[in-house]
C-alpha atoms as a PDB file:
ATOM      1  CA  MET A   1      35.272  85.052 171.950  1.00  0.00           C
ATOM      2  CA  SER A   2      35.931  85.218 168.236  1.00  0.00           C
ATOM      3  CA  GLY A   3      34.390  88.277 166.622  1.00  0.00           C
ATOM      4  CA  HIS A   4      34.788  90.596 169.625  1.00  0.00           C
ATOM      5  CA  LYS A   5      35.663  94.201 169.026  1.00  0.00           C
ATOM      6  CA  THR A   6      38.352  95.576 171.333  1.00  0.00           C
ATOM      7  CA  THR A   7      39.974  98.957 171.729  1.00  0.00           C
ATOM      8  CA  ALA A   8      43.512  98.960 173.062  1.00  0.00           C
ATOM      9  CA  VAL A   9      46.091 101.553 173.987  1.00  0.00           C
ATOM     10  CA  LEU A  10      49.285 100.495 172.233  1.00  0.00           C
ATOM     11  CA  ARG A  11      52.626 101.731 173.568  1.00  0.00           C
ATOM     12  CA  LEU A  12      54.906 101.680 170.529  1.00  0.00           C
ATOM     13  CA  ASP A  13      58.588 100.865 170.725  1.00  0.00           C
ATOM     14  CA  PRO A  14      60.320 104.072 169.493  1.00  0.00           C
ATOM     15  CA  THR A  15      63.253 102.128 168.054  1.00  0.00           C
ATOM     16  CA  VAL A  16      60.895 100.256 165.738  1.00  0.00           C
ATOM     17  CA  LEU A  17      59.510 103.515 164.360  1.00  0.00           C
ATOM     18  CA  VAL A  18      63.029 104.753 163.715  1.00  0.00           C
ATOM     19  CA  ASP A  19      63.958 101.579 161.849  1.00  0.00           C
ATOM     20  CA  ASN A  20      60.649 101.482 159.935  1.00  0.00           C
ATOM     21  CA  PRO A  21      59.405 104.977 159.085  1.00  0.00           C
ATOM     22  CA  LYS A  22      56.528 103.493 157.065  1.00  0.00           C
ATOM     23  CA  LEU A  23      55.104 101.710 160.102  1.00  0.00           C
ATOM     24  CA  ALA A  24      53.332 104.751 161.540  1.00  0.00           C
ATOM     25  CA  ASP A  25      51.898 105.591 158.120  1.00  0.00           C
ATOM     26  CA  GLY A  26      50.680 101.999 157.790  1.00  0.00           C
ATOM     27  CA  LEU A  27      48.908 102.061 161.149  1.00  0.00           C
ATOM     28  CA  THR A  28      47.096 105.315 160.432  1.00  0.00           C
ATOM     29  CA  ALA A  29      46.414 104.743 156.732  1.00  0.00           C
ATOM     30  CA  GLU A  30      42.729 104.758 155.864  1.00  0.00           C
ATOM     31  CA  ASN A  31      41.169 101.373 155.020  1.00  0.00           C
ATOM     32  CA  ARG A  32      44.357  99.484 155.885  1.00  0.00           C
ATOM     33  CA  SER A  33      44.378  96.259 157.887  1.00  0.00           C
ATOM     34  CA  TRP A  34      47.705  95.203 159.347  1.00  0.00           C
ATOM     35  CA  VAL A  35      47.777  91.674 160.697  1.00  0.00           C
ATOM     36  CA  TYR A  36      50.035  90.941 163.662  1.00  0.00           C
ATOM     37  CA  ARG A  37      50.542  88.175 166.158  1.00  0.00           C
ATOM     38  CA  PHE A  38      49.809  89.251 169.715  1.00  0.00           C
ATOM     39  CA  LYS A  39      51.267  87.617 172.764  1.00  0.00           C
ATOM     40  CA  SER A  40      49.438  88.082 176.025  1.00  0.00           C
ATOM     41  CA  LEU A  41      51.600  88.952 179.012  1.00  0.00           C
ATOM     42  CA  ASP A  42      48.905  87.942 181.519  1.00  0.00           C
ATOM     43  CA  GLY A  43      47.656  84.599 182.748  1.00  0.00           C
ATOM     44  CA  GLU A  44      48.846  81.762 184.919  1.00  0.00           C
ATOM     45  CA  ASP A  45      50.339  79.644 182.152  1.00  0.00           C
ATOM     46  CA  SER A  46      54.107  79.559 181.918  1.00  0.00           C
ATOM     47  CA  GLU A  47      53.815  80.000 178.140  1.00  0.00           C
ATOM     48  CA  PRO A  48      51.902  83.142 177.042  1.00  0.00           C
ATOM     49  CA  LEU A  49      48.923  82.697 174.731  1.00  0.00           C
ATOM     50  CA  ASN A  50      49.351  83.451 171.026  1.00  0.00           C
ATOM     51  CA  PHE A  51      46.427  84.770 169.006  1.00  0.00           C
ATOM     52  CA  MET A  52      45.725  86.692 165.810  1.00  0.00           C
ATOM     53  CA  ALA A  53      44.096  90.097 165.471  1.00  0.00           C
ATOM     54  CA  VAL A  54      43.605  92.764 162.824  1.00  0.00           C
ATOM     55  CA  ILE A  55      44.320  96.425 163.480  1.00  0.00           C
ATOM     56  CA  LYS A  56      41.305  98.011 161.807  1.00  0.00           C
ATOM     57  CA  SER A  57      42.029 101.642 162.625  1.00  0.00           C
ATOM     58  CA  CYS A  58      44.393 103.857 164.569  1.00  0.00           C
ATOM     59  CA  GLU A  59      43.092 107.209 165.775  1.00  0.00           C
ATOM     60  CA  SER A  60      46.463 108.829 166.399  1.00  0.00           C
ATOM     61  CA  ILE A  61      50.107 108.242 167.224  1.00  0.00           C
ATOM     62  CA  SER A  62      51.617 110.708 169.687  1.00  0.00           C
ATOM     63  CA  ASP A  63      54.315 110.406 172.334  1.00  0.00           C
ATOM     64  CA  GLY A  64      54.819 106.787 171.350  1.00  0.00           C
ATOM     65  CA  THR A  65      51.196 105.856 172.189  1.00  0.00           C
ATOM     66  CA  ALA A  66      48.443 104.837 169.762  1.00  0.00           C
ATOM     67  CA  GLU A  67      44.710 104.253 170.262  1.00  0.00           C
ATOM     68  CA  VAL A  68      44.061 101.142 168.170  1.00  0.00           C
ATOM     69  CA  GLU A  69      40.871  99.242 167.304  1.00  0.00           C
ATOM     70  CA  LEU A  70      41.359  95.471 167.153  1.00  0.00           C
ATOM     71  CA  TRP A  71      39.313  92.545 165.835  1.00  0.00           C
ATOM     72  CA  PHE A  72      40.194  89.133 167.272  1.00  0.00           C
ATOM     73  CA  LEU A  73      40.357  86.420 164.607  1.00  0.00           C
ATOM     74  CA  THR A  74      40.771  83.416 166.862  1.00  0.00           C
ATOM     75  CA  ASP A  75      39.080  82.369 170.083  1.00  0.00           C
ATOM     76  CA  LEU A  76      40.434  83.892 173.265  1.00  0.00           C
ATOM     77  CA  PRO A  77      40.009  82.737 176.848  1.00  0.00           C
ATOM     78  CA  ARG A  78      37.677  85.228 178.483  1.00  0.00           C
ATOM     79  CA  ALA A  79      40.413  86.359 180.903  1.00  0.00           C
ATOM     80  CA  HIS A  80      42.527  87.653 178.033  1.00  0.00           C
ATOM     81  CA  ALA A  81      39.768  89.884 176.612  1.00  0.00           C
ATOM     82  CA  THR A  82      39.111  91.912 179.747  1.00  0.00           C
ATOM     83  CA  LEU A  83      39.930  95.462 180.722  1.00  0.00           C
ATOM     84  CA  GLY A  84      43.528  95.897 181.739  1.00  0.00           C
ATOM     85  CA  ALA A  85      44.800  92.766 179.969  1.00  0.00           C
ATOM     86  CA  SER A  86      48.169  93.459 178.394  1.00  0.00           C
ATOM     87  CA  PHE A  87      49.869  92.079 175.323  1.00  0.00           C
ATOM     88  CA  GLU A  88      53.022  92.355 173.260  1.00  0.00           C
ATOM     89  CA  ILE A  89      53.042  92.681 169.480  1.00  0.00           C
ATOM     90  CA  LEU A  90      55.684  90.287 168.171  1.00  0.00           C
ATOM     91  CA  TYR A  91      54.882  89.781 164.501  1.00  0.00           C
ATOM     92  CA  PRO A  92      55.898  90.712 161.850  1.00  0.00           C
ATOM     93  CA  GLN A  93      58.366  92.226 164.320  1.00  0.00           C
ATOM     94  CA  ARG A  94      58.371  93.492 167.867  1.00  0.00           C
ATOM     95  CA  ILE A  95      56.455  96.773 167.797  1.00  0.00           C
ATOM     96  CA  GLY A  96      55.634  97.384 171.430  1.00  0.00           C
ATOM     97  CA  GLU A  97      53.350  96.558 174.335  1.00  0.00           C
ATOM     98  CA  GLY A  98      49.682  97.387 174.814  1.00  0.00           C
ATOM     99  CA  GLU A  99      46.850  97.360 177.278  1.00  0.00           C
ATOM    100  CA  ILE A 100      43.203  96.608 176.495  1.00  0.00           C
ATOM    101  CA  THR A 101      41.010  99.560 177.458  1.00  0.00           C
ATOM    102  CA  ARG A 102      37.599  98.659 176.038  1.00  0.00           C
ATOM    103  CA  VAL A 103      35.805  95.450 175.014  1.00  0.00           C
ATOM    104  CA  VAL A 104      32.528  95.339 173.104  1.00  0.00           C
ATOM    105  CA  ASN A 105      30.993  91.864 172.992  1.00  0.00           C
ATOM    106  CA  THR A 106      29.531  90.972 169.623  1.00  0.00           C
ATOM    107  CA  GLU A 107      26.120  89.385 170.212  1.00  0.00           C
ATOM    108  CA  ILE A 108      24.438  87.378 167.483  1.00  0.00           C
ATOM    109  CA  THR A 109      20.752  87.393 166.535  1.00  0.00           C
ATOM    110  CA  ILE A 110      19.024  84.533 164.687  1.00  0.00           C
ATOM    111  CA  VAL A 111      16.577  85.712 162.031  1.00  0.00           C
ATOM    112  CA  HIS A 112      14.167  83.381 160.232  1.00  0.00           C
ATOM    113  CA  THR A 113      12.944  84.723 156.879  1.00  0.00           C
ATOM    114  CA  GLU A 114      10.928  83.390 153.975  1.00  0.00           C
ATOM    115  CA  SER A 115      14.168  83.017 152.010  1.00  0.00           C
ATOM    116  CA  GLY A 116      16.479  81.498 154.603  1.00  0.00           C
ATOM    117  CA  MET A 117      17.900  81.637 158.114  1.00  0.00           C
ATOM    118  CA  CYS A 118      20.357  84.391 158.966  1.00  0.00           C
ATOM    119  CA  LEU A 119      22.828  84.967 161.800  1.00  0.00           C
ATOM    120  CA  THR A 120      23.762  88.613 162.259  1.00  0.00           C
ATOM    121  CA  THR A 121      25.804  90.801 164.597  1.00  0.00           C
ATOM    122  CA  ARG A 122      23.672  93.855 163.810  1.00  0.00           C
ATOM    123  CA  ARG A 123      22.202  95.471 166.930  1.00  0.00           C
ATOM    124  CA  PHE A 124      18.399  95.729 167.125  1.00  0.00           C
ATOM    125  CA  ASP A 125      15.972  97.481 169.453  1.00  0.00           C
ATOM    126  CA  GLY A 126      13.544  94.570 169.737  1.00  0.00           C
ATOM    127  CA  TRP A 127      11.876  92.276 167.232  1.00  0.00           C
ATOM    128  CA  ARG A 128      10.026  95.080 165.443  1.00  0.00           C
ATOM    129  CA  ASP A 129      13.374  96.589 164.532  1.00  0.00           C
ATOM    130  CA  VAL A 130      14.433  93.205 163.117  1.00  0.00           C
ATOM    131  CA  GLN A 131      11.186  93.025 161.140  1.00  0.00           C
ATOM    132  CA  ASP A 132      11.863  96.426 159.606  1.00  0.00           C
ATOM    133  CA  CYS A 133      15.318  95.256 158.514  1.00  0.00           C
ATOM    134  CA  PHE A 134      14.204  92.082 156.661  1.00  0.00           C
ATOM    135  CA  ASP A 135      11.455  92.443 154.070  1.00  0.00           C
ATOM    136  CA  ASP A 136      10.528  88.732 154.268  1.00  0.00           C
ATOM    137  CA  TYR A 137      10.821  88.459 158.060  1.00  0.00           C
ATOM    138  CA  LYS A 138       9.182  85.549 159.906  1.00  0.00           C
ATOM    139  CA  THR A 139      10.614  85.525 163.433  1.00  0.00           C
ATOM    140  CA  SER A 140      13.835  86.128 165.367  1.00  0.00           C
ATOM    141  CA  LEU A 141      15.660  84.857 168.444  1.00  0.00           C
ATOM    142  CA  GLY A 142      18.325  86.359 170.657  1.00  0.00           C
ATOM    143  CA  PRO A 143      20.652  88.084 170.825  1.00  0.00           C
ATOM    144  CA  PHE A 144      23.031  85.342 172.006  1.00  0.00           C
ATOM    145  CA  ASP A 145      26.657  85.469 172.997  1.00  0.00           C
ATOM    146  CA  GLN A 146      28.846  82.910 171.210  1.00  0.00           C
ATOM    147  CA  PRO A 147      28.640  80.114 173.836  1.00  0.00           C
ATOM    148  CA  GLU A 148      24.846  80.471 174.085  1.00  0.00           C
ATOM    149  CA  LEU A 149      24.540  80.399 170.304  1.00  0.00           C
ATOM    150  CA  ASP A 150      26.749  77.308 170.016  1.00  0.00           C
ATOM    151  CA  THR A 151      24.592  75.486 172.575  1.00  0.00           C
ATOM    152  CA  TYR A 152      21.331  76.475 170.891  1.00  0.00           C
ATOM    153  CA  LEU A 153      22.440  75.473 167.391  1.00  0.00           C
ATOM    154  CA  ALA A 154      23.825  72.147 168.622  1.00  0.00           C
ATOM    155  CA  GLU A 155      20.491  71.332 170.249  1.00  0.00           C
ATOM    156  CA  GLU A 156      18.279  72.514 167.362  1.00  0.00           C
ATOM    157  CA  TYR A 157      20.413  71.166 164.491  1.00  0.00           C
ATOM    158  CA  PRO A 158      22.209  68.105 165.899  1.00  0.00           C
ATOM    159  CA  ALA A 159      22.548  66.302 162.573  1.00  0.00           C
ATOM    160  CA  VAL A 160      24.875  68.865 160.943  1.00  0.00           C
ATOM    161  CA  PRO A 161      27.618  70.885 162.671  1.00  0.00           C
ATOM    162  CA  ALA A 162      26.754  74.578 162.696  1.00  0.00           C
ATOM    163  CA  HIS A 163      30.015  75.538 160.968  1.00  0.00           C
ATOM    164  CA  GLU A 164      28.937  73.483 157.953  1.00  0.00           C
ATOM    165  CA  ILE A 165      25.721  75.504 157.660  1.00  0.00           C
ATOM    166  CA  TRP A 166      26.891  79.037 158.444  1.00  0.00           C
ATOM    167  CA  ASP A 167      30.177  80.749 157.669  1.00  0.00           C
ATOM    168  CA  PHE A 168      31.110  82.116 161.094  1.00  0.00           C
ATOM    169  CA  ARG A 169      34.123  83.884 159.617  1.00  0.00           C
ATOM    170  CA  LEU A 170      31.661  86.475 158.299  1.00  0.00           C
ATOM    171  CA  LEU A 171      30.608  87.348 161.863  1.00  0.00           C
ATOM    172  CA  ARG A 172      33.937  88.764 162.974  1.00  0.00           C
ATOM    173  CA  MET A 173      32.716  92.335 162.759  1.00  0.00           C
ATOM    174  CA  GLN A 174      29.753  94.388 163.876  1.00  0.00           C
ATOM    175  CA  ASP A 175      26.811  94.628 161.458  1.00  0.00           C
ATOM    176  CA  SER A 176      27.727  91.464 159.541  1.00  0.00           C
ATOM    177  CA  PHE A 177      25.619  88.542 158.266  1.00  0.00           C
ATOM    178  CA  THR A 178      25.873  84.876 157.364  1.00  0.00           C
ATOM    179  CA  TRP A 179      23.078  82.844 155.764  1.00  0.00           C
ATOM    180  CA  SER A 180      22.192  79.176 155.682  1.00  0.00           C
ATOM    181  CA  PRO A 181      22.494  77.773 152.138  1.00  0.00           C
ATOM    182  CA  ASN A 182      19.291  77.762 150.144  1.00  0.00           C
ATOM    183  CA  PRO A 183      18.232  74.524 148.445  1.00  0.00           C
ATOM    184  CA  SER A 184      18.686  74.951 144.705  1.00  0.00           C
ATOM    185  CA  PRO A 185      15.528  75.317 142.637  1.00  0.00           C
ATOM    186  CA  GLN A 186      14.513  71.996 141.145  1.00  0.00           C
ATOM    187  CA  GLY A 187      15.169  71.256 137.501  1.00  0.00           C
ATOM    188  CA  GLY A 188      18.024  70.503 135.169  1.00  0.00           C
ATOM    189  CA  ASP A 189      21.573  71.772 134.968  1.00  0.00           C
ATOM    190  CA  GLY A 190      22.887  75.294 134.764  1.00  0.00           C
ATOM    191  CA  LEU A 191      22.704  78.512 136.697  1.00  0.00           C
ATOM    192  CA  LYS A 192      20.300  78.311 139.629  1.00  0.00           C
ATOM    193  CA  LEU A 193      19.466  81.263 141.852  1.00  0.00           C
ATOM    194  CA  GLY A 194      16.617  81.982 144.226  1.00  0.00           C
ATOM    195  CA  THR A 195      14.643  79.846 146.640  1.00  0.00           C
ATOM    196  CA  VAL A 196      12.434  76.815 146.271  1.00  0.00           C
ATOM    197  CA  ASP A 197       9.384  78.548 147.757  1.00  0.00           C
ATOM    198  CA  GLY A 198      10.061  82.036 146.327  1.00  0.00           C
ATOM    199  CA  ASP A 199      11.298  83.682 143.144  1.00  0.00           C
ATOM    200  CA  SER A 200      13.863  81.586 141.294  1.00  0.00           C
ATOM    201  CA  LEU A 201      15.657  81.334 137.967  1.00  0.00           C
ATOM    202  CA  ARG A 202      17.447  78.562 136.121  1.00  0.00           C
ATOM    203  CA  LEU A 203      19.441  79.100 132.909  1.00  0.00           C
ATOM    204  CA  ALA A 204      21.383  76.592 130.806  1.00  0.00           C
ATOM    205  CA  ILE A 205      22.929  76.514 127.347  1.00  0.00           C
ATOM    206  CA  ALA A 206      21.017  73.886 125.382  1.00  0.00           C
ATOM    207  CA  GLY A 207      22.837  74.023 122.032  1.00  0.00           C
ATOM    208  CA  TYR A 208      23.518  76.115 118.961  1.00  0.00           C
ATOM    209  CA  GLN A 209      20.711  77.806 117.031  1.00  0.00           C
ATOM    210  CA  PHE A 210      22.366  76.654 113.776  1.00  0.00           C
ATOM    211  CA  PRO A 211      24.207  73.453 114.741  1.00  0.00           C
ATOM    212  CA  ASP A 212      24.520  72.194 111.142  1.00  0.00           C
ATOM    213  CA  ALA A 213      25.620  75.449 109.529  1.00  0.00           C
ATOM    214  CA  GLU A 214      28.636  75.000 107.223  1.00  0.00           C
ATOM    215  CA  ASP A 215      29.792  78.522 107.985  1.00  0.00           C
ATOM    216  CA  ILE A 216      31.450  78.367 111.418  1.00  0.00           C
ATOM    217  CA  ARG A 217      30.623  82.017 112.012  1.00  0.00           C
ATOM    218  CA  LYS A 218      26.914  81.271 111.612  1.00  0.00           C
ATOM    219  CA  ARG A 219      27.057  78.180 113.810  1.00  0.00           C
ATOM    220  CA  ASP A 220      28.845  80.125 116.540  1.00  0.00           C
ATOM    221  CA  SER A 221      26.483  83.077 116.389  1.00  0.00           C
ATOM    222  CA  TRP A 222      23.627  82.213 118.781  1.00  0.00           C
ATOM    223  CA  TYR A 223      23.036  79.778 121.619  1.00  0.00           C
ATOM    224  CA  MET A 224      19.748  78.127 122.447  1.00  0.00           C
ATOM    225  CA  VAL A 225      18.957  78.857 126.100  1.00  0.00           C
ATOM    226  CA  GLU A 226      16.556  76.789 128.142  1.00  0.00           C
ATOM    227  CA  GLY A 227      15.462  77.299 131.713  1.00  0.00           C
ATOM    228  CA  SER A 228      12.676  77.908 134.158  1.00  0.00           C
ATOM    229  CA  ALA A 229      11.437  80.523 136.594  1.00  0.00           C
ATOM    230  CA  THR A 230       9.077  80.880 139.527  1.00  0.00           C
ATOM    231  CA  LEU A 231       7.219  83.969 140.677  1.00  0.00           C
ATOM    232  CA  ALA A 232       4.496  84.325 143.305  1.00  0.00           C
ATOM    233  CA  GLY A 233       3.797  80.600 143.351  1.00  0.00           C
ATOM    234  CA  GLU A 234       3.679  80.198 139.552  1.00  0.00           C
ATOM    235  CA  ALA A 235       6.294  78.277 137.591  1.00  0.00           C
ATOM    236  CA  TRP A 236       7.073  78.089 133.893  1.00  0.00           C
ATOM    237  CA  ASP A 237       9.706  76.852 131.434  1.00  0.00           C
ATOM    238  CA  PHE A 238      11.205  78.589 128.422  1.00  0.00           C
ATOM    239  CA  ARG A 239      13.534  77.946 125.487  1.00  0.00           C
ATOM    240  CA  TRP A 240      14.795  80.427 122.906  1.00  0.00           C
ATOM    241  CA  GLN A 241      17.858  81.560 120.934  1.00  0.00           C
ATOM    242  CA  ALA A 242      18.475  84.267 123.526  1.00  0.00           C
ATOM    243  CA  LEU A 243      22.248  84.752 123.837  1.00  0.00           C
ATOM    244  CA  THR A 244      25.029  85.336 121.349  1.00  0.00           C
ATOM    245  CA  CYS A 245      27.823  82.809 121.824  1.00  0.00           C
ATOM    246  CA  ASP A 246      30.228  85.361 123.263  1.00  0.00           C
ATOM    247  CA  THR A 247      27.805  86.474 126.010  1.00  0.00           C
ATOM    248  CA  PRO A 248      27.486  83.513 128.467  1.00  0.00           C
ATOM    249  CA  PRO A 249      31.156  83.693 129.604  1.00  0.00           C
ATOM    250  CA  LEU A 250      30.603  87.379 130.326  1.00  0.00           C
ATOM    251  CA  ILE A 251      27.637  86.479 132.543  1.00  0.00           C
ATOM    252  CA  CYS A 252      29.822  84.017 134.470  1.00  0.00           C
ATOM    253  CA  HIS A 253      32.544  86.617 134.919  1.00  0.00           C
ATOM    254  CA  TRP A 254      29.989  89.164 136.119  1.00  0.00           C
ATOM    255  CA  LEU A 255      28.593  86.742 138.710  1.00  0.00           C
ATOM    256  CA  PHE A 256      32.099  86.279 140.137  1.00  0.00           C
ATOM    257  CA  GLU A 257      32.569  90.061 140.185  1.00  0.00           C
ATOM    258  CA  LEU A 258      29.219  90.442 141.928  1.00  0.00           C
ATOM    259  CA  ALA A 259      30.259  87.908 144.588  1.00  0.00           C
ATOM    260  CA  SER A 260      33.526  89.767 145.247  1.00  0.00           C
ATOM    261  CA  TRP A 261      31.687  93.102 145.449  1.00  0.00           C
ATOM    262  CA  LEU A 262      29.217  91.591 147.906  1.00  0.00           C
ATOM    263  CA  GLU A 263      31.953  90.234 150.193  1.00  0.00           C
ATOM    264  CA  PHE A 264      34.741  92.784 149.887  1.00  0.00           C
ATOM    265  CA  GLY A 265      33.405  95.869 148.101  1.00  0.00           C
ATOM    266  CA  ASP A 266      33.085  99.295 149.681  1.00  0.00           C
ATOM    267  CA  PRO A 267      29.616  99.570 151.306  1.00  0.00           C
ATOM    268  CA  ASP A 268      28.925 102.714 149.265  1.00  0.00           C
ATOM    269  CA  ALA A 269      30.196 101.308 145.959  1.00  0.00           C
ATOM    270  CA  GLN A 270      27.757 100.457 143.197  1.00  0.00           C
ATOM    271  CA  ALA A 271      27.418  96.882 141.999  1.00  0.00           C
ATOM    272  CA  PRO A 272      29.411  95.968 138.884  1.00  0.00           C
ATOM    273  CA  ASP A 273      27.452  96.518 135.698  1.00  0.00           C
ATOM    274  CA  PRO A 274      25.966  93.389 134.097  1.00  0.00           C
ATOM    275  CA  PRO A 275      26.834  92.483 130.502  1.00  0.00           C
ATOM    276  CA  TRP A 276      24.642  94.021 127.830  1.00  0.00           C
ATOM    277  CA  LEU A 277      22.300  91.449 126.270  1.00  0.00           C
ATOM    278  CA  ILE A 278      20.948  91.921 122.748  1.00  0.00           C
ATOM    279  CA  GLU A 279      17.708  89.978 123.203  1.00  0.00           C
ATOM    280  CA  PRO A 280      15.191  91.674 125.530  1.00  0.00           C
ATOM    281  CA  CYS A 281      13.796  88.365 126.775  1.00  0.00           C
ATOM    282  CA  ILE A 282      16.260  88.395 129.705  1.00  0.00           C
ATOM    283  CA  GLN A 283      17.902  91.379 131.357  1.00  0.00           C
ATOM    284  CA  PHE A 284      19.746  91.703 134.667  1.00  0.00           C
ATOM    285  CA  THR A 285      18.343  95.065 135.718  1.00  0.00           C
ATOM    286  CA  GLU A 286      19.450  95.812 139.295  1.00  0.00           C
ATOM    287  CA  ALA A 287      21.694  94.478 142.069  1.00  0.00           C
ATOM    288  CA  LYS A 288      21.643  95.725 145.661  1.00  0.00           C
ATOM    289  CA  ARG A 289      23.576  94.616 148.747  1.00  0.00           C
ATOM    290  CA  ILE A 290      21.051  93.972 151.533  1.00  0.00           C
ATOM    291  CA  ASN A 291      21.743  92.149 154.814  1.00  0.00           C
ATOM    292  CA  GLY A 292      24.756  90.240 153.551  1.00  0.00           C
ATOM    293  CA  ARG A 293      23.154  89.079 150.300  1.00  0.00           C
ATOM    294  CA  VAL A 294      22.643  90.504 146.849  1.00  0.00           C
ATOM    295  CA  HIS A 295      19.070  91.264 145.803  1.00  0.00           C
ATOM    296  CA  LEU A 296      19.181  90.736 142.051  1.00  0.00           C
ATOM    297  CA  THR A 297      16.281  91.863 139.892  1.00  0.00           C
ATOM    298  CA  VAL A 298      15.904  90.041 136.577  1.00  0.00           C
ATOM    299  CA  GLY A 299      13.490  91.036 133.835  1.00  0.00           C
ATOM    300  CA  LEU A 300      11.932  88.256 131.737  1.00  0.00           C
ATOM    301  CA  SER A 301       9.866  89.145 128.706  1.00  0.00           C
ATOM    302  CA  HIS A 302       8.671  87.839 125.356  1.00  0.00           C
ATOM    303  CA  GLU A 303       9.743  84.197 124.948  1.00  0.00           C
ATOM    304  CA  PHE A 304      10.981  83.996 128.556  1.00  0.00           C
ATOM    305  CA  SER A 305       7.856  85.376 130.219  1.00  0.00           C
ATOM    306  CA  LEU A 306       4.955  83.443 131.639  1.00  0.00           C
ATOM    307  CA  THR A 307       2.409  82.676 128.910  1.00  0.00           C
ATOM    308  CA  GLY A 308      -0.106  85.473 128.568  1.00  0.00           C
ATOM    309  CA  ARG A 309       2.075  88.167 130.148  1.00  0.00           C
ATOM    310  CA  LYS A 310       4.296  90.669 128.416  1.00  0.00           C
ATOM    311  CA  ALA A 311       6.967  90.921 131.094  1.00  0.00           C
ATOM    312  CA  GLU A 312       7.932  89.559 134.489  1.00  0.00           C
ATOM    313  CA  SER A 313      10.312  90.884 137.108  1.00  0.00           C
ATOM    314  CA  ILE A 314      11.724  88.390 139.584  1.00  0.00           C
ATOM    315  CA  LEU A 315      13.777  89.096 142.715  1.00  0.00           C
ATOM    316  CA  LEU A 316      16.609  86.687 143.444  1.00  0.00           C
ATOM    317  CA  ARG A 317      18.350  86.720 146.841  1.00  0.00           C
ATOM    318  CA  ALA A 318      21.809  85.124 146.871  1.00  0.00           C
ATOM    319  CA  THR A 319      24.965  84.960 148.964  1.00  0.00           C
ATOM    320  CA  ALA A 320      28.423  85.346 147.457  1.00  0.00           C
ATOM    321  CA  GLU A 321      28.926  81.582 147.576  1.00  0.00           C
ATOM    322  CA  GLU A 322      25.627  80.988 145.755  1.00  0.00           C
ATOM    323  CA  LEU A 323      26.626  83.478 143.046  1.00  0.00           C
ATOM    324  CA  ARG A 324      29.911  81.649 142.500  1.00  0.00           C
ATOM    325  CA  ARG A 325      28.166  78.284 142.403  1.00  0.00           C
ATOM    326  CA  ALA A 326      25.714  79.625 139.816  1.00  0.00           C
ATOM    327  CA  ALA A 327      28.583  80.880 137.652  1.00  0.00           C
ATOM    328  CA  VAL A 328      30.400  77.527 137.772  1.00  0.00           C
ATOM    329  CA  ASP A 329      27.231  75.563 137.011  1.00  0.00           C
ATOM    330  CA  PHE A 330      26.352  77.848 134.085  1.00  0.00           C
ATOM    331  CA  ALA A 331      29.892  77.558 132.731  1.00  0.00           C
ATOM    332  CA  ALA A 332      29.555  73.760 132.754  1.00  0.00           C
ATOM    333  CA  THR A 333      26.674  73.979 130.268  1.00  0.00           C
ATOM    334  CA  ILE A 334      28.643  76.409 128.090  1.00  0.00           C
ATOM    335  CA  ALA A 335      31.576  73.996 127.909  1.00  0.00           C
ATOM    336  CA  VAL A 336      29.395  71.378 126.187  1.00  0.00           C
ATOM    337  CA  PHE A 337      28.954  73.729 123.203  1.00  0.00           C
ATOM    338  CA  PRO A 338      32.243  75.610 122.792  1.00  0.00           C
ATOM    339  CA  GLU A 339      32.926  78.167 120.131  1.00  0.00           C
ATOM    340  CA  THR A 340      35.169  76.904 117.323  1.00  0.00           C
ATOM    341  CA  PRO A 341      38.713  78.312 117.564  1.00  0.00           C
ATOM    342  CA  GLN A 342      39.441  80.534 114.588  1.00  0.00           C
ATOM    343  CA  PRO A 343      42.784  80.088 112.797  1.00  0.00           C
ATOM    344  CA  SER A 344      45.121  82.961 113.529  1.00  0.00           C
ATOM    345  CA  ARG A 345      46.147  85.182 110.668  1.00  0.00           C
ATOM    346  CA  PRO A 346      49.849  85.739 109.970  1.00  0.00           C
ATOM    347  CA  ALA A 347      51.124  89.176 110.857  1.00  0.00           C
ATOM    348  CA  LEU A 348      51.540  91.507 107.882  1.00  0.00           C
END
């Protein structure tokens, strides 16, 4: 029953609060997640069951009683996640005993889109509601509870275990998403984002603009960038001295920041700003968090645009893992053409 939301009434041990005055503040602090080990006091086994949970919020602490919202992180036998089940909080220390008062089962919907297959715990009022949520919607199935989903995926995708396709850790909470990996756009090395049958972008460092320059500062001034793009069924290649040599590492760093923002950032927080690029032929113009992925808009113009057009705007959909992979692959092409270390000057 991993991923099930549970509300419990927790009876705190007063002696623990006396010994740890910060404990109550920690339970009620906004945006804090305290991890404890719970030990069920119910069941027929002689040894109680151990499991992990996260205290996501605590409405109040009064008279030694707290109303606590829990998220289970490991699978529980169904009998232990029922109304009236009791438990004892033992880790990081004994805090008290509790009783489960409400259980909300997290059901999972399968959504097929033009840009991948998604599993989500978001609640929908029918397939039309799902369609309104995904701009490239194809069809949807469910919702399923976890055992039903496991059975369905095992039957439909027998060659590869489901946990190797989807990251089920991302489905521990309501309104969460996990996506099947997209095949990388075809082509050479470097950064690859997008889908094979949709918008895509590939970027790689191909060399120095002035590889034979005697002045190191001139040689290390501009990189040649080669790549390809697809948009609305059309594909094209490009090559141009588009990035100063100090810029590609900044792009890699930004992609890692974007991945962290997508996974862990505040839902209302803006995406991290992309690095400023001197040449207008490529610009990262907008990043939005939509359905567990980033929707990244990239402007291509001049030497990077499709022949005969002044500018293109492509939409790249990517998960956090795909953003990190793109950063690592782009960095590998940068490493082939490193900047020359400059001798340090003695301090005056």
